[in-house]
Amino acid sequence: MWHQDKVDCMNYLAHGIRYLDNPWFLAGTATPDWLSVADRKVRMRERLVRPHLDSEDQRLQAYAAGVLQHLDDDQWFHETVAFYEVTSEVAECFRKLPNQDDGFLPGFLGHITTELLLDRMLMEHFPQVIDQYYQVISGLPALEIQKYTNIMAAK
């Protein structure tokens, strides 16, 4: 059973739910969002990731393929009418909140909230998946993920 505390840090399940049987690919699908949380200036770019699909290191190869899957997912999903409509509606709700400062970004909050809601719905429809997701991810060596990320990240 998934736990409420895990919901607050999720924005990865929709990208990875189909790849729970491939840990390194799964980690790759999460990495672009992990980097956004850690440092918004660090990005994974296709041109820097794609060459690693030919690596002799099969884990690096799977990781790179997962990163590219995430980038491909985002490219088509963020251009759909449904994503635009839901994000706009959620952003409008944020715009109506009082006491907004100059750094308040309702469009960004609408975008992130839409993705979080999608993951939440997946957790509700497939409750066993969230624990499996965390079990697979926690079984990977963090320093190895860091090493692979450093090889591919633009910064």
N, C-alpha and C. Protein backbone atom coordinates (compact mmCIF):
# COMPACT_ATOMS: atom_id res chain seq x y z
N MET A 1 0.84 -1.18 0.00
CA MET A 1 0.00 0.00 0.00
C MET A 1 0.88 1.25 0.00
N TRP A 2 0.55 2.24 -0.81
CA TRP A 2 1.36 3.46 -0.87
C TRP A 2 1.04 4.35 0.31
N HIS A 3 1.96 5.24 0.60
CA HIS A 3 1.85 6.08 1.78
C HIS A 3 1.70 7.54 1.37
N GLN A 4 0.93 8.28 2.13
CA GLN A 4 0.66 9.69 1.84
C GLN A 4 1.94 10.50 1.71
N ASP A 5 2.95 10.23 2.53
CA ASP A 5 4.18 11.00 2.47
C ASP A 5 4.89 10.84 1.13
N LYS A 6 4.67 9.75 0.44
CA LYS A 6 5.28 9.54 -0.87
C LYS A 6 4.60 10.38 -1.95
N VAL A 7 3.35 10.70 -1.77
CA VAL A 7 2.61 11.48 -2.76
C VAL A 7 3.24 12.86 -2.94
N ASP A 8 3.69 13.45 -1.85
CA ASP A 8 4.19 14.82 -1.89
C ASP A 8 5.46 14.96 -2.72
N CYS A 9 6.20 13.88 -2.93
CA CYS A 9 7.46 14.00 -3.65
C CYS A 9 7.39 13.34 -5.03
N MET A 10 6.22 12.99 -5.47
CA MET A 10 6.11 12.29 -6.74
C MET A 10 5.86 13.25 -7.90
N ASN A 11 6.47 12.98 -8.97
CA ASN A 11 6.19 13.59 -10.26
C ASN A 11 6.82 12.68 -11.32
N TYR A 12 6.91 11.39 -11.00
CA TYR A 12 7.68 10.48 -11.83
C TYR A 12 6.90 9.25 -12.28
N LEU A 13 5.83 8.93 -11.61
CA LEU A 13 5.17 7.65 -11.82
C LEU A 13 4.64 7.49 -13.25
N ALA A 14 4.03 8.52 -13.79
CA ALA A 14 3.48 8.41 -15.15
C ALA A 14 4.57 8.08 -16.17
N HIS A 15 5.77 8.59 -15.94
CA HIS A 15 6.88 8.29 -16.84
C HIS A 15 7.37 6.85 -16.69
N GLY A 16 7.34 6.33 -15.47
CA GLY A 16 8.00 5.07 -15.21
C GLY A 16 7.13 3.84 -15.00
N ILE A 17 5.83 4.01 -14.90
CA ILE A 17 4.96 2.91 -14.51
C ILE A 17 5.10 1.68 -15.41
N ARG A 18 5.42 1.88 -16.67
CA ARG A 18 5.55 0.74 -17.61
C ARG A 18 6.90 0.05 -17.53
N TYR A 19 7.82 0.58 -16.74
CA TYR A 19 9.21 0.10 -16.77
C TYR A 19 9.71 -0.40 -15.42
N LEU A 20 8.81 -0.84 -14.58
CA LEU A 20 9.19 -1.31 -13.25
C LEU A 20 10.08 -2.55 -13.31
N ASP A 21 10.09 -3.22 -14.44
CA ASP A 21 10.91 -4.42 -14.60
C ASP A 21 12.31 -4.10 -15.14
N ASN A 22 12.61 -2.83 -15.34
CA ASN A 22 13.89 -2.41 -15.90
C ASN A 22 14.44 -1.25 -15.04
N PRO A 23 15.11 -1.55 -13.94
CA PRO A 23 15.50 -0.53 -12.96
C PRO A 23 16.30 0.64 -13.53
N TRP A 24 17.28 0.39 -14.37
CA TRP A 24 18.09 1.50 -14.88
C TRP A 24 17.31 2.38 -15.84
N PHE A 25 16.47 1.77 -16.66
CA PHE A 25 15.59 2.54 -17.54
C PHE A 25 14.64 3.37 -16.68
N LEU A 26 14.07 2.75 -15.64
CA LEU A 26 13.15 3.45 -14.73
C LEU A 26 13.82 4.67 -14.11
N ALA A 27 15.04 4.50 -13.63
CA ALA A 27 15.77 5.63 -13.05
C ALA A 27 15.96 6.74 -14.08
N GLY A 28 16.25 6.35 -15.32
CA GLY A 28 16.40 7.35 -16.38
C GLY A 28 15.12 8.12 -16.61
N THR A 29 13.97 7.45 -16.50
CA THR A 29 12.70 8.17 -16.72
C THR A 29 12.44 9.19 -15.62
N ALA A 30 13.03 9.01 -14.47
CA ALA A 30 12.81 9.94 -13.35
C ALA A 30 13.83 11.07 -13.31
N THR A 31 14.99 10.85 -13.87
CA THR A 31 16.10 11.79 -13.70
C THR A 31 15.81 13.22 -14.15
N PRO A 32 15.20 13.47 -15.30
CA PRO A 32 14.96 14.88 -15.65
C PRO A 32 14.14 15.63 -14.58
N ASP A 33 13.18 14.95 -13.97
CA ASP A 33 12.40 15.60 -12.91
C ASP A 33 13.19 15.67 -11.60
N TRP A 34 13.99 14.65 -11.30
CA TRP A 34 14.84 14.74 -10.11
C TRP A 34 15.75 15.96 -10.21
N LEU A 35 16.31 16.18 -11.38
CA LEU A 35 17.20 17.32 -11.57
C LEU A 35 16.46 18.64 -11.42
N SER A 36 15.22 18.69 -11.88
CA SER A 36 14.43 19.92 -11.72
C SER A 36 14.20 20.24 -10.26
N VAL A 37 14.07 19.23 -9.44
CA VAL A 37 13.89 19.45 -8.01
C VAL A 37 15.21 19.89 -7.37
N ALA A 38 16.30 19.25 -7.76
CA ALA A 38 17.61 19.53 -7.16
C ALA A 38 18.19 20.87 -7.62
N ASP A 39 18.09 21.15 -8.91
CA ASP A 39 18.66 22.38 -9.48
C ASP A 39 18.00 22.62 -10.82
N ARG A 40 17.11 23.59 -10.88
CA ARG A 40 16.32 23.84 -12.09
C ARG A 40 17.19 24.19 -13.30
N LYS A 41 18.43 24.57 -13.08
CA LYS A 41 19.30 24.93 -14.20
C LYS A 41 19.95 23.72 -14.87
N VAL A 42 19.92 22.58 -14.19
CA VAL A 42 20.53 21.37 -14.74
C VAL A 42 19.49 20.65 -15.59
N ARG A 43 19.84 20.38 -16.81
CA ARG A 43 18.92 19.74 -17.75
C ARG A 43 19.58 18.57 -18.45
N MET A 44 18.76 17.62 -18.81
CA MET A 44 19.20 16.52 -19.65
C MET A 44 18.76 16.88 -21.07
N ARG A 45 19.69 16.91 -21.98
CA ARG A 45 19.41 17.26 -23.37
C ARG A 45 19.63 16.04 -24.26
N GLU A 46 18.74 15.88 -25.22
CA GLU A 46 18.81 14.73 -26.11
C GLU A 46 20.18 14.59 -26.76
N ARG A 47 20.74 15.67 -27.23
CA ARG A 47 22.02 15.61 -27.94
C ARG A 47 23.16 15.09 -27.05
N LEU A 48 23.04 15.27 -25.73
CA LEU A 48 24.07 14.78 -24.82
C LEU A 48 23.78 13.37 -24.32
N VAL A 49 22.53 12.96 -24.40
CA VAL A 49 22.12 11.65 -23.89
C VAL A 49 22.19 10.59 -24.98
N ARG A 50 21.73 10.94 -26.18
CA ARG A 50 21.60 9.96 -27.27
C ARG A 50 22.88 9.16 -27.55
N PRO A 51 24.07 9.76 -27.53
CA PRO A 51 25.28 8.97 -27.81
C PRO A 51 25.49 7.79 -26.86
N HIS A 52 24.92 7.84 -25.67
CA HIS A 52 25.12 6.79 -24.68
C HIS A 52 24.24 5.56 -24.94
N LEU A 53 23.36 5.65 -25.92
CA LEU A 53 22.56 4.48 -26.31
C LEU A 53 23.46 3.39 -26.90
N ASP A 54 24.63 3.78 -27.35
CA ASP A 54 25.58 2.84 -27.94
C ASP A 54 26.68 2.42 -26.97
N SER A 55 26.54 2.77 -25.71
CA SER A 55 27.56 2.45 -24.72
C SER A 55 27.70 0.93 -24.55
N GLU A 56 28.91 0.51 -24.24
CA GLU A 56 29.14 -0.90 -23.92
C GLU A 56 28.59 -1.23 -22.53
N ASP A 57 28.43 -0.22 -21.70
CA ASP A 57 27.87 -0.38 -20.36
C ASP A 57 26.34 -0.47 -20.50
N GLN A 58 25.80 -1.66 -20.32
CA GLN A 58 24.36 -1.86 -20.54
C GLN A 58 23.49 -1.08 -19.56
N ARG A 59 24.01 -0.85 -18.36
CA ARG A 59 23.24 -0.05 -17.39
C ARG A 59 23.17 1.41 -17.86
N LEU A 60 24.30 1.94 -18.30
CA LEU A 60 24.32 3.30 -18.83
C LEU A 60 23.42 3.41 -20.06
N GLN A 61 23.46 2.41 -20.90
CA GLN A 61 22.61 2.37 -22.10
C GLN A 61 21.13 2.41 -21.72
N ALA A 62 20.72 1.59 -20.75
CA ALA A 62 19.32 1.56 -20.30
C ALA A 62 18.94 2.88 -19.64
N TYR A 63 19.84 3.42 -18.85
CA TYR A 63 19.60 4.71 -18.17
C TYR A 63 19.38 5.82 -19.21
N ALA A 64 20.25 5.88 -20.20
CA ALA A 64 20.12 6.89 -21.26
C ALA A 64 18.80 6.72 -22.01
N ALA A 65 18.43 5.48 -22.30
CA ALA A 65 17.16 5.23 -23.00
C ALA A 65 15.98 5.70 -22.14
N GLY A 66 16.07 5.53 -20.83
CA GLY A 66 15.02 6.00 -19.93
C GLY A 66 14.92 7.52 -19.93
N VAL A 67 16.05 8.19 -19.91
CA VAL A 67 16.05 9.66 -19.97
C VAL A 67 15.38 10.11 -21.27
N LEU A 68 15.76 9.50 -22.38
CA LEU A 68 15.16 9.87 -23.66
C LEU A 68 13.66 9.58 -23.69
N GLN A 69 13.25 8.50 -23.05
CA GLN A 69 11.82 8.20 -22.95
C GLN A 69 11.09 9.33 -22.22
N HIS A 70 11.66 9.80 -21.13
CA HIS A 70 11.07 10.91 -20.39
C HIS A 70 10.95 12.16 -21.29
N LEU A 71 12.02 12.48 -21.97
CA LEU A 71 12.01 13.67 -22.83
C LEU A 71 10.97 13.53 -23.94
N ASP A 72 10.87 12.34 -24.53
CA ASP A 72 9.85 12.09 -25.56
C ASP A 72 8.44 12.19 -24.98
N ASP A 73 8.24 11.60 -23.79
CA ASP A 73 6.93 11.68 -23.13
C ASP A 73 6.52 13.14 -22.93
N ASP A 74 7.46 13.92 -22.38
CA ASP A 74 7.15 15.32 -22.11
C ASP A 74 6.84 16.07 -23.40
N GLN A 75 7.58 15.81 -24.44
CA GLN A 75 7.40 16.54 -25.69
C GLN A 75 5.98 16.37 -26.22
N TRP A 76 5.49 15.13 -26.28
CA TRP A 76 4.15 14.96 -26.84
C TRP A 76 3.07 15.32 -25.82
N PHE A 77 3.26 14.94 -24.55
CA PHE A 77 2.22 15.17 -23.55
C PHE A 77 1.98 16.66 -23.31
N HIS A 78 3.03 17.44 -23.21
CA HIS A 78 2.88 18.86 -22.94
C HIS A 78 2.27 19.62 -24.11
N GLU A 79 2.19 18.99 -25.27
CA GLU A 79 1.58 19.63 -26.43
C GLU A 79 0.13 19.20 -26.66
N THR A 80 -0.40 18.32 -25.81
CA THR A 80 -1.77 17.86 -26.00
C THR A 80 -2.76 18.93 -25.55
N VAL A 81 -3.93 18.91 -26.15
CA VAL A 81 -4.99 19.83 -25.79
C VAL A 81 -5.40 19.60 -24.33
N ALA A 82 -5.50 18.35 -23.94
CA ALA A 82 -5.92 18.03 -22.57
C ALA A 82 -4.95 18.62 -21.55
N PHE A 83 -3.66 18.47 -21.77
CA PHE A 83 -2.69 19.03 -20.83
C PHE A 83 -2.80 20.55 -20.78
N TYR A 84 -2.92 21.17 -21.92
CA TYR A 84 -3.05 22.63 -21.98
C TYR A 84 -4.30 23.09 -21.23
N GLU A 85 -5.43 22.43 -21.47
CA GLU A 85 -6.68 22.85 -20.83
C GLU A 85 -6.64 22.67 -19.31
N VAL A 86 -6.15 21.52 -18.86
CA VAL A 86 -6.11 21.27 -17.41
C VAL A 86 -5.11 22.20 -16.76
N THR A 87 -3.93 22.35 -17.34
CA THR A 87 -2.92 23.24 -16.78
C THR A 87 -3.43 24.67 -16.70
N SER A 88 -4.11 25.12 -17.73
CA SER A 88 -4.66 26.48 -17.74
C SER A 88 -5.71 26.66 -16.65
N GLU A 89 -6.56 25.67 -16.50
CA GLU A 89 -7.62 25.75 -15.48
C GLU A 89 -7.02 25.76 -14.07
N VAL A 90 -6.04 24.92 -13.84
CA VAL A 90 -5.40 24.88 -12.53
C VAL A 90 -4.63 26.18 -12.27
N ALA A 91 -3.94 26.67 -13.28
CA ALA A 91 -3.20 27.93 -13.14
C ALA A 91 -4.15 29.08 -12.80
N GLU A 92 -5.31 29.08 -13.40
CA GLU A 92 -6.30 30.13 -13.11
C GLU A 92 -6.73 30.08 -11.65
N CYS A 93 -6.87 28.89 -11.10
CA CYS A 93 -7.19 28.75 -9.66
C CYS A 93 -6.09 29.36 -8.82
N PHE A 94 -4.83 29.14 -9.19
CA PHE A 94 -3.71 29.73 -8.45
C PHE A 94 -3.70 31.25 -8.58
N ARG A 95 -4.06 31.76 -9.76
CA ARG A 95 -4.08 33.22 -9.96
C ARG A 95 -5.09 33.91 -9.04
N LYS A 96 -6.11 33.21 -8.64
CA LYS A 96 -7.16 33.78 -7.78
C LYS A 96 -6.78 33.83 -6.31
N LEU A 97 -5.66 33.22 -5.96
CA LEU A 97 -5.24 33.22 -4.56
C LEU A 97 -4.77 34.60 -4.14
N PRO A 98 -5.07 34.99 -2.91
CA PRO A 98 -4.61 36.31 -2.42
C PRO A 98 -3.12 36.27 -2.05
N ASN A 99 -2.57 37.44 -1.84
CA ASN A 99 -1.20 37.60 -1.33
C ASN A 99 -0.14 36.97 -2.22
N GLN A 100 -0.20 37.24 -3.49
CA GLN A 100 0.81 36.75 -4.41
C GLN A 100 1.97 37.73 -4.46
N ASP A 101 3.19 37.20 -4.38
CA ASP A 101 4.35 38.07 -4.50
C ASP A 101 4.87 38.04 -5.94
N ASP A 102 5.93 38.77 -6.18
CA ASP A 102 6.47 38.88 -7.54
C ASP A 102 7.00 37.56 -8.08
N GLY A 103 7.39 36.63 -7.20
CA GLY A 103 7.92 35.36 -7.64
C GLY A 103 6.87 34.28 -7.85
N PHE A 104 5.61 34.64 -7.67
CA PHE A 104 4.52 33.68 -7.80
C PHE A 104 4.32 33.33 -9.27
N LEU A 105 4.35 32.03 -9.59
CA LEU A 105 4.27 31.58 -10.97
C LEU A 105 3.09 30.63 -11.15
N PRO A 106 1.88 31.15 -11.34
CA PRO A 106 0.71 30.28 -11.45
C PRO A 106 0.77 29.31 -12.63
N GLY A 107 1.36 29.70 -13.74
CA GLY A 107 1.48 28.79 -14.88
C GLY A 107 2.35 27.59 -14.56
N PHE A 108 3.47 27.86 -13.90
CA PHE A 108 4.37 26.77 -13.49
C PHE A 108 3.68 25.87 -12.47
N LEU A 109 3.00 26.48 -11.51
CA LEU A 109 2.27 25.68 -10.51
C LEU A 109 1.17 24.86 -11.15
N GLY A 110 0.50 25.41 -12.15
CA GLY A 110 -0.53 24.66 -12.87
C GLY A 110 0.06 23.47 -13.58
N HIS A 111 1.21 23.65 -14.18
CA HIS A 111 1.91 22.57 -14.90
C HIS A 111 2.28 21.43 -13.94
N ILE A 112 2.97 21.78 -12.86
CA ILE A 112 3.42 20.78 -11.89
C ILE A 112 2.23 20.10 -11.22
N THR A 113 1.23 20.87 -10.86
CA THR A 113 0.06 20.30 -10.19
C THR A 113 -0.66 19.32 -11.10
N THR A 114 -0.76 19.62 -12.38
CA THR A 114 -1.39 18.70 -13.32
C THR A 114 -0.64 17.37 -13.35
N GLU A 115 0.70 17.43 -13.39
CA GLU A 115 1.49 16.21 -13.39
C GLU A 115 1.35 15.44 -12.07
N LEU A 116 1.31 16.16 -10.96
CA LEU A 116 1.12 15.51 -9.67
C LEU A 116 -0.25 14.83 -9.57
N LEU A 117 -1.26 15.49 -10.12
CA LEU A 117 -2.61 14.90 -10.10
C LEU A 117 -2.67 13.64 -10.97
N LEU A 118 -1.97 13.66 -12.08
CA LEU A 118 -1.91 12.47 -12.93
C LEU A 118 -1.27 11.31 -12.16
N ASP A 119 -0.15 11.57 -11.50
CA ASP A 119 0.48 10.52 -10.71
C ASP A 119 -0.43 10.06 -9.58
N ARG A 120 -1.12 10.98 -8.95
CA ARG A 120 -2.05 10.61 -7.87
C ARG A 120 -3.15 9.68 -8.39
N MET A 121 -3.67 9.97 -9.55
CA MET A 121 -4.71 9.11 -10.13
C MET A 121 -4.15 7.73 -10.45
N LEU A 122 -2.93 7.67 -10.95
CA LEU A 122 -2.31 6.37 -11.21
C LEU A 122 -2.15 5.58 -9.90
N MET A 123 -1.76 6.25 -8.83
CA MET A 123 -1.61 5.59 -7.53
C MET A 123 -2.94 5.06 -7.02
N GLU A 124 -4.00 5.81 -7.26
CA GLU A 124 -5.32 5.37 -6.80
C GLU A 124 -5.83 4.18 -7.63
N HIS A 125 -5.56 4.18 -8.92
CA HIS A 125 -6.01 3.09 -9.78
C HIS A 125 -5.13 1.85 -9.68
N PHE A 126 -3.85 2.04 -9.35
CA PHE A 126 -2.89 0.93 -9.25
C PHE A 126 -2.12 1.05 -7.94
N PRO A 127 -2.80 0.85 -6.80
CA PRO A 127 -2.17 1.12 -5.50
C PRO A 127 -0.91 0.31 -5.21
N GLN A 128 -0.77 -0.87 -5.79
CA GLN A 128 0.41 -1.70 -5.55
C GLN A 128 1.64 -1.15 -6.25
N VAL A 129 1.46 -0.31 -7.23
CA VAL A 129 2.56 0.14 -8.07
C VAL A 129 3.51 1.09 -7.34
N ILE A 130 3.00 1.95 -6.49
CA ILE A 130 3.87 2.95 -5.87
C ILE A 130 4.92 2.30 -4.97
N ASP A 131 4.52 1.29 -4.21
CA ASP A 131 5.51 0.60 -3.38
C ASP A 131 6.52 -0.14 -4.24
N GLN A 132 6.05 -0.74 -5.33
CA GLN A 132 6.96 -1.43 -6.24
C GLN A 132 7.93 -0.43 -6.86
N TYR A 133 7.43 0.73 -7.26
CA TYR A 133 8.27 1.77 -7.84
C TYR A 133 9.41 2.13 -6.89
N TYR A 134 9.06 2.44 -5.64
CA TYR A 134 10.08 2.83 -4.67
C TYR A 134 11.03 1.69 -4.33
N GLN A 135 10.54 0.48 -4.33
CA GLN A 135 11.40 -0.67 -4.06
C GLN A 135 12.44 -0.81 -5.16
N VAL A 136 12.02 -0.67 -6.41
CA VAL A 136 12.95 -0.79 -7.53
C VAL A 136 13.98 0.35 -7.50
N ILE A 137 13.51 1.57 -7.33
CA ILE A 137 14.41 2.73 -7.32
C ILE A 137 15.40 2.65 -6.15
N SER A 138 14.92 2.26 -4.99
CA SER A 138 15.81 2.22 -3.81
C SER A 138 16.85 1.12 -3.92
N GLY A 139 16.66 0.17 -4.82
CA GLY A 139 17.63 -0.89 -5.02
C GLY A 139 18.81 -0.50 -5.90
N LEU A 140 18.76 0.69 -6.47
CA LEU A 140 19.85 1.15 -7.34
C LEU A 140 20.87 1.96 -6.54
N PRO A 141 22.15 1.84 -6.89
CA PRO A 141 23.19 2.61 -6.19
C PRO A 141 23.15 4.09 -6.61
N ALA A 142 22.89 4.96 -5.64
CA ALA A 142 22.75 6.39 -5.92
C ALA A 142 24.00 6.98 -6.56
N LEU A 143 25.17 6.55 -6.13
CA LEU A 143 26.41 7.11 -6.70
C LEU A 143 26.58 6.73 -8.17
N GLU A 144 26.07 5.57 -8.55
CA GLU A 144 26.13 5.17 -9.95
C GLU A 144 25.17 6.03 -10.79
N ILE A 145 24.00 6.30 -10.25
CA ILE A 145 23.06 7.20 -10.93
C ILE A 145 23.67 8.58 -11.07
N GLN A 146 24.31 9.04 -10.01
CA GLN A 146 24.98 10.35 -10.06
C GLN A 146 26.06 10.36 -11.14
N LYS A 147 26.84 9.30 -11.20
CA LYS A 147 27.91 9.20 -12.19
C LYS A 147 27.34 9.28 -13.61
N TYR A 148 26.29 8.51 -13.88
CA TYR A 148 25.68 8.52 -15.20
C TYR A 148 25.08 9.89 -15.52
N THR A 149 24.47 10.49 -14.53
CA THR A 149 23.88 11.82 -14.73
C THR A 149 24.97 12.83 -15.06
N ASN A 150 26.07 12.78 -14.32
CA ASN A 150 27.17 13.71 -14.58
C ASN A 150 27.75 13.55 -15.98
N ILE A 151 27.73 12.35 -16.49
CA ILE A 151 28.23 12.09 -17.84
C ILE A 151 27.34 12.78 -18.89
N MET A 152 26.04 12.82 -18.62
CA MET A 152 25.07 13.28 -19.63
C MET A 152 24.52 14.69 -19.41
N ALA A 153 24.56 15.20 -18.21
CA ALA A 153 23.92 16.49 -17.93
C ALA A 153 24.70 17.64 -18.53
N ALA A 154 23.97 18.66 -18.90
CA ALA A 154 24.59 19.83 -19.55
C ALA A 154 25.40 20.65 -18.55
N LYS A 155 25.17 20.48 -17.27
CA LYS A 155 25.89 21.26 -16.25
C LYS A 155 26.44 20.32 -15.21
